Amino acid sequence: MDLTTENIYMLGICFLAILFLFFIGSLKFIFKILMRTTFSLTIIYFVNMLLCLAPDLKKFCIGINFISAIVSILLGFPGIISLYILQSIL
């Protein structure tokens, strides 16, 4: 490698580091949303598995879809409980 190639690589690494530092706040926000989504949808999945074991409680199972994901992201655990309450009412 000659000197110009090394300089280009070094400038590229510095540029990526600056971009990372600039966008670290939004990356934390996106990571937090992805973690909340994964956690809440796994809770819904396991509760549905438990509810579907009993034939009487099968009507209380809620679907894992875009709406349930949005509600659980925005409201968290109370949103999951409200989804089950709404399912029992409807």
N, C-alpha and C. Protein backbone atom coordinates (compact mmCIF):
# COMPACT_ATOMS: atom_id res chain seq x y z
N MET A 1 0.85 -1.19 0.00
CA MET A 1 0.00 0.00 0.00
C MET A 1 0.88 1.24 0.00
N ASP A 2 0.47 2.18 -0.75
CA ASP A 2 1.22 3.42 -0.75
C ASP A 2 0.55 4.40 0.23
N LEU A 3 1.13 5.55 0.33
CA LEU A 3 0.71 6.53 1.33
C LEU A 3 -0.69 7.07 1.05
N THR A 4 -1.08 7.24 -0.18
CA THR A 4 -2.40 7.81 -0.49
C THR A 4 -3.52 6.83 -0.15
N THR A 5 -3.32 5.55 -0.36
CA THR A 5 -4.33 4.56 -0.01
C THR A 5 -4.55 4.52 1.50
N GLU A 6 -3.46 4.58 2.26
CA GLU A 6 -3.57 4.58 3.71
C GLU A 6 -4.30 5.83 4.20
N ASN A 7 -4.03 6.96 3.57
CA ASN A 7 -4.71 8.19 3.95
C ASN A 7 -6.21 8.12 3.65
N ILE A 8 -6.56 7.52 2.53
CA ILE A 8 -7.98 7.39 2.18
C ILE A 8 -8.68 6.48 3.20
N TYR A 9 -8.04 5.37 3.58
CA TYR A 9 -8.62 4.49 4.58
C TYR A 9 -8.77 5.20 5.92
N MET A 10 -7.76 5.96 6.31
CA MET A 10 -7.81 6.67 7.57
C MET A 10 -8.91 7.73 7.56
N LEU A 11 -9.07 8.44 6.46
CA LEU A 11 -10.15 9.43 6.35
C LEU A 11 -11.51 8.76 6.38
N GLY A 12 -11.63 7.60 5.75
CA GLY A 12 -12.89 6.86 5.78
C GLY A 12 -13.25 6.41 7.19
N ILE A 13 -12.27 5.91 7.92
CA ILE A 13 -12.52 5.49 9.31
C ILE A 13 -12.90 6.68 10.18
N CYS A 14 -12.23 7.79 10.00
CA CYS A 14 -12.58 9.01 10.77
C CYS A 14 -13.99 9.49 10.42
N PHE A 15 -14.36 9.43 9.15
CA PHE A 15 -15.69 9.82 8.72
C PHE A 15 -16.75 8.92 9.34
N LEU A 16 -16.50 7.60 9.36
CA LEU A 16 -17.45 6.67 9.98
C LEU A 16 -17.56 6.91 11.48
N ALA A 17 -16.46 7.22 12.14
CA ALA A 17 -16.50 7.50 13.57
C ALA A 17 -17.30 8.77 13.86
N ILE A 18 -17.13 9.79 13.03
CA ILE A 18 -17.90 11.02 13.21
C ILE A 18 -19.38 10.77 12.97
N LEU A 19 -19.72 9.99 11.94
CA LEU A 19 -21.13 9.65 11.69
C LEU A 19 -21.72 8.87 12.86
N PHE A 20 -20.94 7.93 13.40
CA PHE A 20 -21.41 7.14 14.54
C PHE A 20 -21.68 8.04 15.74
N LEU A 21 -20.78 8.96 16.03
CA LEU A 21 -20.99 9.88 17.16
C LEU A 21 -22.15 10.82 16.92
N PHE A 22 -22.38 11.19 15.66
CA PHE A 22 -23.47 12.09 15.33
C PHE A 22 -24.83 11.41 15.48
N PHE A 23 -24.90 10.14 15.10
CA PHE A 23 -26.18 9.43 15.10
C PHE A 23 -26.36 8.50 16.30
N ILE A 24 -25.54 8.58 17.32
CA ILE A 24 -25.62 7.65 18.43
C ILE A 24 -26.94 7.81 19.23
N GLY A 25 -27.46 9.03 19.29
CA GLY A 25 -28.72 9.23 20.00
C GLY A 25 -29.87 8.55 19.29
N SER A 26 -29.93 8.68 17.98
CA SER A 26 -31.00 8.02 17.24
C SER A 26 -30.81 6.51 17.21
N LEU A 27 -29.57 6.05 17.22
CA LEU A 27 -29.32 4.61 17.26
C LEU A 27 -29.80 4.01 18.58
N LYS A 28 -29.59 4.73 19.68
CA LYS A 28 -30.09 4.26 20.98
C LYS A 28 -31.61 4.19 20.97
N PHE A 29 -32.25 5.19 20.37
CA PHE A 29 -33.71 5.22 20.30
C PHE A 29 -34.23 4.05 19.47
N ILE A 30 -33.62 3.79 18.34
CA ILE A 30 -34.05 2.68 17.48
C ILE A 30 -33.81 1.34 18.18
N PHE A 31 -32.68 1.21 18.86
CA PHE A 31 -32.39 -0.03 19.60
C PHE A 31 -33.40 -0.24 20.72
N LYS A 32 -33.77 0.84 21.42
CA LYS A 32 -34.75 0.74 22.49
C LYS A 32 -36.11 0.30 21.95
N ILE A 33 -36.52 0.84 20.82
CA ILE A 33 -37.80 0.45 20.21
C ILE A 33 -37.76 -1.01 19.79
N LEU A 34 -36.67 -1.46 19.20
CA LEU A 34 -36.56 -2.86 18.79
C LEU A 34 -36.59 -3.80 19.98
N MET A 35 -35.96 -3.41 21.08
CA MET A 35 -35.96 -4.25 22.27
C MET A 35 -37.35 -4.31 22.90
N ARG A 36 -38.04 -3.18 22.97
CA ARG A 36 -39.40 -3.17 23.51
C ARG A 36 -40.34 -4.00 22.66
N THR A 37 -40.20 -3.92 21.35
CA THR A 37 -41.04 -4.69 20.44
C THR A 37 -40.80 -6.18 20.63
N THR A 38 -39.55 -6.58 20.67
CA THR A 38 -39.22 -8.00 20.83
C THR A 38 -39.73 -8.52 22.16
N PHE A 39 -39.51 -7.77 23.22
CA PHE A 39 -39.94 -8.20 24.55
C PHE A 39 -41.45 -8.31 24.64
N SER A 40 -42.16 -7.32 24.14
CA SER A 40 -43.61 -7.33 24.27
C SER A 40 -44.25 -8.40 23.39
N LEU A 41 -43.73 -8.60 22.19
CA LEU A 41 -44.31 -9.63 21.32
C LEU A 41 -44.01 -11.04 21.82
N THR A 42 -42.88 -11.24 22.49
CA THR A 42 -42.63 -12.55 23.09
C THR A 42 -43.55 -12.78 24.28
N ILE A 43 -43.85 -11.73 25.05
CA ILE A 43 -44.81 -11.87 26.14
C ILE A 43 -46.18 -12.25 25.58
N ILE A 44 -46.60 -11.58 24.52
CA ILE A 44 -47.90 -11.90 23.90
C ILE A 44 -47.89 -13.34 23.38
N TYR A 45 -46.81 -13.76 22.78
CA TYR A 45 -46.71 -15.12 22.25
C TYR A 45 -46.84 -16.17 23.36
N PHE A 46 -46.12 -15.98 24.46
CA PHE A 46 -46.16 -16.98 25.53
C PHE A 46 -47.49 -16.97 26.28
N VAL A 47 -48.09 -15.81 26.46
CA VAL A 47 -49.41 -15.75 27.09
C VAL A 47 -50.43 -16.41 26.18
N ASN A 48 -50.33 -16.21 24.88
CA ASN A 48 -51.23 -16.88 23.94
C ASN A 48 -51.05 -18.39 24.00
N MET A 49 -49.81 -18.85 24.14
CA MET A 49 -49.58 -20.29 24.26
C MET A 49 -50.25 -20.85 25.50
N LEU A 50 -50.17 -20.12 26.61
CA LEU A 50 -50.82 -20.58 27.85
C LEU A 50 -52.33 -20.54 27.74
N LEU A 51 -52.85 -19.50 27.11
CA LEU A 51 -54.30 -19.38 26.98
C LEU A 51 -54.87 -20.41 26.01
N CYS A 52 -54.13 -20.75 24.99
CA CYS A 52 -54.64 -21.69 24.00
C CYS A 52 -54.59 -23.13 24.48
N LEU A 53 -53.95 -23.39 25.60
CA LEU A 53 -53.95 -24.74 26.16
C LEU A 53 -55.33 -25.11 26.69
N ALA A 54 -56.02 -24.13 27.26
CA ALA A 54 -57.37 -24.36 27.77
C ALA A 54 -58.38 -24.05 26.68
N PRO A 55 -59.29 -24.97 26.38
CA PRO A 55 -60.24 -24.71 25.29
C PRO A 55 -61.21 -23.57 25.60
N ASP A 56 -61.50 -23.33 26.87
CA ASP A 56 -62.42 -22.25 27.22
C ASP A 56 -61.81 -20.87 27.00
N LEU A 57 -60.50 -20.78 27.12
CA LEU A 57 -59.83 -19.47 27.05
C LEU A 57 -59.28 -19.16 25.67
N LYS A 58 -59.55 -19.99 24.67
CA LYS A 58 -59.02 -19.75 23.33
C LYS A 58 -59.52 -18.45 22.73
N LYS A 59 -60.68 -18.00 23.15
CA LYS A 59 -61.23 -16.76 22.59
C LYS A 59 -60.50 -15.52 23.08
N PHE A 60 -59.67 -15.66 24.11
CA PHE A 60 -58.93 -14.52 24.66
C PHE A 60 -57.57 -14.32 24.00
N CYS A 61 -57.17 -15.20 23.10
CA CYS A 61 -55.88 -15.06 22.41
C CYS A 61 -55.93 -13.87 21.46
N ILE A 62 -54.87 -13.09 21.46
CA ILE A 62 -54.80 -11.97 20.52
C ILE A 62 -53.73 -12.28 19.48
N GLY A 63 -53.90 -11.73 18.31
CA GLY A 63 -52.96 -11.98 17.23
C GLY A 63 -51.72 -11.12 17.33
N ILE A 64 -50.63 -11.66 16.85
CA ILE A 64 -49.40 -10.89 16.78
C ILE A 64 -49.36 -10.25 15.40
N ASN A 65 -49.66 -8.98 15.35
CA ASN A 65 -49.69 -8.26 14.09
C ASN A 65 -49.17 -6.84 14.30
N PHE A 66 -49.31 -6.03 13.28
CA PHE A 66 -48.78 -4.67 13.31
C PHE A 66 -49.46 -3.82 14.39
N ILE A 67 -50.77 -3.96 14.54
CA ILE A 67 -51.50 -3.15 15.52
C ILE A 67 -51.11 -3.52 16.94
N SER A 68 -51.01 -4.81 17.23
CA SER A 68 -50.61 -5.21 18.58
C SER A 68 -49.17 -4.80 18.86
N ALA A 69 -48.32 -4.81 17.84
CA ALA A 69 -46.94 -4.37 18.03
C ALA A 69 -46.89 -2.87 18.33
N ILE A 70 -47.65 -2.07 17.60
CA ILE A 70 -47.66 -0.62 17.82
C ILE A 70 -48.20 -0.28 19.21
N VAL A 71 -49.29 -0.95 19.60
CA VAL A 71 -49.86 -0.69 20.93
C VAL A 71 -48.87 -1.07 22.01
N SER A 72 -48.21 -2.19 21.86
CA SER A 72 -47.26 -2.61 22.89
C SER A 72 -46.00 -1.75 22.91
N ILE A 73 -45.61 -1.19 21.76
CA ILE A 73 -44.46 -0.28 21.74
C ILE A 73 -44.81 1.02 22.46
N LEU A 74 -45.96 1.57 22.13
CA LEU A 74 -46.32 2.87 22.68
C LEU A 74 -46.70 2.80 24.16
N LEU A 75 -47.43 1.74 24.55
CA LEU A 75 -47.94 1.69 25.92
C LEU A 75 -47.18 0.73 26.83
N GLY A 76 -46.40 -0.17 26.26
CA GLY A 76 -45.63 -1.10 27.06
C GLY A 76 -46.50 -2.21 27.64
N PHE A 77 -46.17 -2.62 28.86
CA PHE A 77 -46.90 -3.71 29.51
C PHE A 77 -48.37 -3.37 29.76
N PRO A 78 -48.71 -2.14 30.18
CA PRO A 78 -50.14 -1.82 30.28
C PRO A 78 -50.88 -1.92 28.95
N GLY A 79 -50.19 -1.67 27.85
CA GLY A 79 -50.80 -1.83 26.54
C GLY A 79 -51.12 -3.28 26.23
N ILE A 80 -50.24 -4.19 26.66
CA ILE A 80 -50.49 -5.62 26.46
C ILE A 80 -51.70 -6.05 27.27
N ILE A 81 -51.77 -5.59 28.51
CA ILE A 81 -52.92 -5.92 29.36
C ILE A 81 -54.20 -5.34 28.76
N SER A 82 -54.13 -4.13 28.25
CA SER A 82 -55.34 -3.53 27.65
C SER A 82 -55.76 -4.28 26.39
N LEU A 83 -54.81 -4.83 25.63
CA LEU A 83 -55.17 -5.64 24.47
C LEU A 83 -55.96 -6.88 24.89
N TYR A 84 -55.52 -7.53 25.97
CA TYR A 84 -56.24 -8.70 26.44
C TYR A 84 -57.61 -8.33 27.01
N ILE A 85 -57.71 -7.18 27.66
CA ILE A 85 -59.01 -6.74 28.18
C ILE A 85 -59.95 -6.43 27.04
N LEU A 86 -59.46 -5.74 26.01
CA LEU A 86 -60.29 -5.45 24.84
C LEU A 86 -60.72 -6.73 24.13
N GLN A 87 -59.84 -7.71 24.07
CA GLN A 87 -60.20 -8.98 23.45
C GLN A 87 -61.28 -9.69 24.24
N SER A 88 -61.24 -9.59 25.56
CA SER A 88 -62.26 -10.25 26.37
C SER A 88 -63.60 -9.53 26.25
N ILE A 89 -63.58 -8.21 26.04
CA ILE A 89 -64.82 -7.45 25.89
C ILE A 89 -65.42 -7.74 24.54
N LEU A 90 -64.61 -7.75 23.50
CA LEU A 90 -65.13 -7.95 22.15
C LEU A 90 -65.38 -9.42 21.94
